[in-house]
């Protein structure tokens, strides 16, 4: 389990491995969000976003949810710039100084988890854009309703409605598919709950 506060303090002091731990913790969820919004350039945008995070990290103050909200706010702003400017590719980023170590030792288990989550992300990507974004931020990124509402410039009630409708669509899609898909039970459980709770439900981000 990530010691968030200690890791942030170390990263702010220039510890490259501490920054790498933050990258490993938050990069998968960030990439999945970007793949919903701008699939062809998701990895390039993620690299640019992490460069911005790295530059501004010394000024960050807050807890893990605050950091998560900061990353996804940065991502949404970067996406807005990308759409507005019609960019084909963000500036190339050099990460030769960043040490990124393997996230764990159980490769098979990680692959199975990634496969299940990627199936869910693929299904979420078929939702209407606002529903897809709300579900991604709430369920995949693990952000609470209040933060998602600020990020999407909507009311908390609107976010709950978007999540509820999106998860219902997913539930219907999953029920129509064959049994035995690992992510099906997980998403169906969340859908049955309406997606309205502020904590608890989160796919592997």
Protein backbone atom coordinates (compact mmCIF):
# COMPACT_ATOMS: atom_id res chain seq x y z
CA UNK A 1 0.00 0.00 0.00
CA UNK A 2 1.34 3.42 -0.97
CA UNK A 3 2.43 5.70 1.88
CA UNK A 4 1.03 8.67 0.04
CA UNK A 5 2.14 11.50 2.30
CA UNK A 6 5.66 10.16 2.73
CA UNK A 7 5.97 9.45 -0.98
CA UNK A 8 4.84 12.95 -1.95
CA UNK A 9 7.24 14.57 0.50
CA UNK A 10 10.12 12.47 -0.86
CA UNK A 11 9.15 13.27 -4.46
CA UNK A 12 8.95 16.97 -3.63
CA UNK A 13 12.49 16.70 -2.25
CA UNK A 14 13.68 15.30 -5.58
CA UNK A 15 13.54 11.54 -4.93
CA UNK A 16 13.07 10.01 -8.39
CA UNK A 17 11.95 6.63 -7.07
CA UNK A 18 9.27 8.33 -4.97
CA UNK A 19 7.97 10.08 -8.08
CA UNK A 20 8.06 6.76 -9.90
CA UNK A 21 5.86 5.25 -7.18
CA UNK A 22 3.33 8.02 -7.72
CA UNK A 23 3.51 7.38 -11.46
CA UNK A 24 2.87 3.65 -11.01
CA UNK A 25 -0.06 4.33 -8.69
CA UNK A 26 -1.90 6.86 -10.84
CA UNK A 27 -0.73 6.30 -14.43
CA UNK A 28 -3.02 3.31 -15.25
CA UNK A 29 -6.20 5.19 -14.30
CA UNK A 30 -5.02 8.32 -16.08
CA UNK A 31 -4.30 6.38 -19.27
CA UNK A 32 -7.70 4.69 -19.21
CA UNK A 33 -9.39 8.06 -18.83
CA UNK A 34 -7.38 9.51 -21.72
CA UNK A 35 -8.14 6.50 -23.90
CA UNK A 36 -11.84 7.24 -23.48
CA UNK A 37 -11.35 10.90 -24.42
CA UNK A 38 -8.48 10.85 -26.95
CA UNK A 39 -7.41 7.28 -27.67
CA UNK A 40 -4.92 7.91 -30.53
CA UNK A 41 -2.73 10.21 -28.42
CA UNK A 42 -3.48 8.98 -24.89
CA UNK A 43 0.09 8.01 -24.04
CA UNK A 44 1.55 11.23 -25.45
CA UNK A 45 -0.95 13.32 -23.51
CA UNK A 46 -0.23 11.34 -20.34
CA UNK A 47 3.48 12.04 -20.71
CA UNK A 48 2.80 15.75 -21.09
CA UNK A 49 0.47 15.73 -18.08
CA UNK A 50 3.08 14.01 -15.90
CA UNK A 51 5.66 16.60 -16.94
CA UNK A 52 3.28 19.32 -15.76
CA UNK A 53 2.72 17.44 -12.51
CA UNK A 54 6.46 17.07 -12.02
CA UNK A 55 7.05 20.78 -12.55
CA UNK A 56 4.29 21.82 -10.14
CA UNK A 57 4.76 19.09 -7.53
CA UNK A 58 6.81 21.23 -5.11
CA UNK A 59 3.75 23.47 -4.67
CA UNK A 60 1.26 20.64 -4.09
CA UNK A 61 -0.49 20.48 -0.72
CA UNK A 62 -3.21 17.97 0.03
CA UNK A 63 -4.17 14.36 0.54
CA UNK A 64 -4.42 11.45 -1.91
CA UNK A 65 -7.88 12.44 -3.13
CA UNK A 66 -6.61 15.96 -3.65
CA UNK A 67 -3.68 14.65 -5.68
CA UNK A 68 -5.98 12.45 -7.74
CA UNK A 69 -8.25 15.42 -8.39
CA UNK A 70 -5.27 17.56 -9.36
CA UNK A 71 -4.03 14.99 -11.90
CA UNK A 72 -7.42 14.59 -13.54
CA UNK A 73 -8.06 18.34 -13.54
CA UNK A 74 -4.71 18.75 -15.29
CA UNK A 75 -5.72 16.00 -17.71
CA UNK A 76 -9.05 17.61 -18.50
CA UNK A 77 -7.41 21.00 -19.08
CA UNK A 78 -4.82 19.37 -21.34
CA UNK A 79 -7.58 17.64 -23.28
CA UNK A 80 -9.41 20.94 -23.68
CA UNK A 81 -6.26 22.50 -25.13
CA UNK A 82 -5.78 19.50 -27.42
CA UNK A 83 -9.33 19.69 -28.77
CA UNK A 84 -9.25 23.47 -29.12
CA UNK A 85 -5.90 23.65 -30.88
CA UNK A 86 -6.43 20.60 -33.08
CA UNK A 87 -3.06 19.22 -32.06
CA UNK A 88 -1.85 16.02 -33.60
CA UNK A 89 0.84 15.39 -31.03
CA UNK A 90 1.99 17.13 -27.83
CA UNK A 91 5.62 18.04 -27.33
CA UNK A 92 7.90 15.05 -26.97
CA UNK A 93 8.89 14.44 -23.36
CA UNK A 94 12.20 13.04 -22.24
CA UNK A 95 11.88 10.78 -19.18
CA UNK A 96 15.37 9.34 -19.09
CA UNK A 97 15.82 10.55 -15.51
CA UNK A 98 12.63 8.92 -14.25
CA UNK A 99 13.14 5.49 -12.72
CA UNK A 100 10.02 3.36 -13.29
CA UNK A 101 10.29 -0.02 -11.64
CA UNK A 102 7.89 -2.98 -12.08
CA UNK A 103 4.74 -2.48 -10.07
CA UNK A 104 4.73 -5.99 -8.63
CA UNK A 105 6.00 -9.52 -8.88
CA UNK A 106 2.87 -11.48 -9.78
CA UNK A 107 2.76 -10.88 -13.52
CA UNK A 108 -0.10 -13.31 -14.21
CA UNK A 109 -2.33 -11.77 -11.56
CA UNK A 110 -1.59 -8.25 -12.79
CA UNK A 111 -2.30 -9.28 -16.38
CA UNK A 112 -5.66 -10.79 -15.39
CA UNK A 113 -6.63 -7.66 -13.48
CA UNK A 114 -5.56 -5.43 -16.36
CA UNK A 115 -7.51 -7.51 -18.85
CA UNK A 116 -10.69 -7.36 -16.77
CA UNK A 117 -10.39 -3.62 -16.26
CA UNK A 118 -9.60 -3.00 -19.92
CA UNK A 119 -12.77 -4.89 -20.85
CA UNK A 120 -14.71 -2.57 -18.58
CA UNK A 121 -13.04 0.52 -20.06
CA UNK A 122 -13.88 -0.66 -23.58
CA UNK A 123 -17.55 -0.95 -22.57
CA UNK A 124 -17.50 2.44 -20.85
CA UNK A 125 -16.09 3.97 -24.03
CA UNK A 126 -19.30 3.02 -25.83
CA UNK A 127 -21.42 5.16 -23.49
CA UNK A 128 -22.49 8.72 -24.36
CA UNK A 129 -19.49 11.02 -23.67
CA UNK A 130 -20.78 12.64 -20.45
CA UNK A 131 -21.83 9.31 -18.99
CA UNK A 132 -18.52 7.73 -19.96
CA UNK A 133 -16.54 10.51 -18.30
CA UNK A 134 -18.60 10.44 -15.11
CA UNK A 135 -18.30 6.66 -14.80
CA UNK A 136 -14.57 6.75 -15.55
CA UNK A 137 -13.87 9.39 -12.93
CA UNK A 138 -16.10 7.82 -10.28
CA UNK A 139 -15.49 4.11 -10.79
CA UNK A 140 -12.12 3.78 -12.50
CA UNK A 141 -10.31 6.82 -11.11
CA UNK A 142 -11.98 6.47 -7.70
CA UNK A 143 -12.90 10.14 -7.27
CA UNK A 144 -15.81 11.15 -5.05
CA UNK A 145 -18.94 12.77 -6.44
CA UNK A 146 -18.06 16.26 -5.19
CA UNK A 147 -14.68 16.27 -6.96
CA UNK A 148 -16.15 14.86 -10.16
CA UNK A 149 -18.84 17.55 -10.07
CA UNK A 150 -16.21 20.30 -9.84
CA UNK A 151 -14.11 18.71 -12.57
CA UNK A 152 -17.05 18.31 -14.95
CA UNK A 153 -18.60 21.66 -13.98
CA UNK A 154 -21.84 19.98 -13.00
CA UNK A 155 -23.89 19.62 -9.85
CA UNK A 156 -23.33 16.53 -7.65
CA UNK A 157 -26.88 15.44 -8.46
CA UNK A 158 -26.16 15.62 -12.18
CA UNK A 159 -23.02 13.50 -11.72
CA UNK A 160 -25.01 10.88 -9.81
CA UNK A 161 -27.61 10.77 -12.59
CA UNK A 162 -24.93 10.39 -15.27
CA UNK A 163 -23.29 7.57 -13.30
CA UNK A 164 -26.61 5.87 -12.66
CA UNK A 165 -27.65 5.99 -16.32
CA UNK A 166 -24.22 4.94 -17.54
CA UNK A 167 -24.01 2.02 -15.15
CA UNK A 168 -27.51 0.89 -16.07
CA UNK A 169 -26.49 0.82 -19.71
CA UNK A 170 -23.43 -1.19 -18.79
CA UNK A 171 -25.53 -3.59 -16.74
CA UNK A 172 -27.86 -4.18 -19.69
CA UNK A 173 -24.89 -4.73 -22.01
CA UNK A 174 -23.25 -7.16 -19.60
CA UNK A 175 -26.42 -9.13 -19.02
CA UNK A 176 -26.71 -9.58 -22.78
CA UNK A 177 -23.22 -11.01 -23.02
CA UNK A 178 -22.07 -14.50 -22.23
CA UNK A 179 -21.26 -15.38 -18.62
CA UNK A 180 -17.76 -15.79 -17.29
CA UNK A 181 -16.32 -12.38 -18.13
CA UNK A 182 -14.38 -11.34 -14.99
CA UNK A 183 -15.40 -7.72 -15.06
CA UNK A 184 -19.08 -8.43 -15.62
CA UNK A 185 -19.93 -9.26 -12.03
CA UNK A 186 -18.00 -6.27 -10.73
CA UNK A 187 -19.66 -3.75 -13.01
CA UNK A 188 -23.07 -5.33 -12.60
CA UNK A 189 -22.75 -5.02 -8.81
CA UNK A 190 -21.88 -1.34 -9.11
CA UNK A 191 -24.70 -0.77 -11.57
CA UNK A 192 -27.20 -2.40 -9.23
CA UNK A 193 -26.04 0.03 -6.54
CA UNK A 194 -26.69 3.00 -8.78
CA UNK A 195 -23.20 4.49 -8.57
CA UNK A 196 -24.43 7.02 -6.03
CA UNK A 197 -22.14 6.32 -3.10
CA UNK A 198 -19.12 8.51 -2.50
CA UNK A 199 -16.81 5.70 -1.61
CA UNK A 200 -16.20 2.03 -2.07
CA UNK A 201 -16.62 1.20 -5.76
CA UNK A 202 -13.45 1.35 -7.78
CA UNK A 203 -11.98 -0.78 -10.50
CA UNK A 204 -8.22 -1.26 -10.53
CA UNK A 205 -7.02 2.18 -11.60
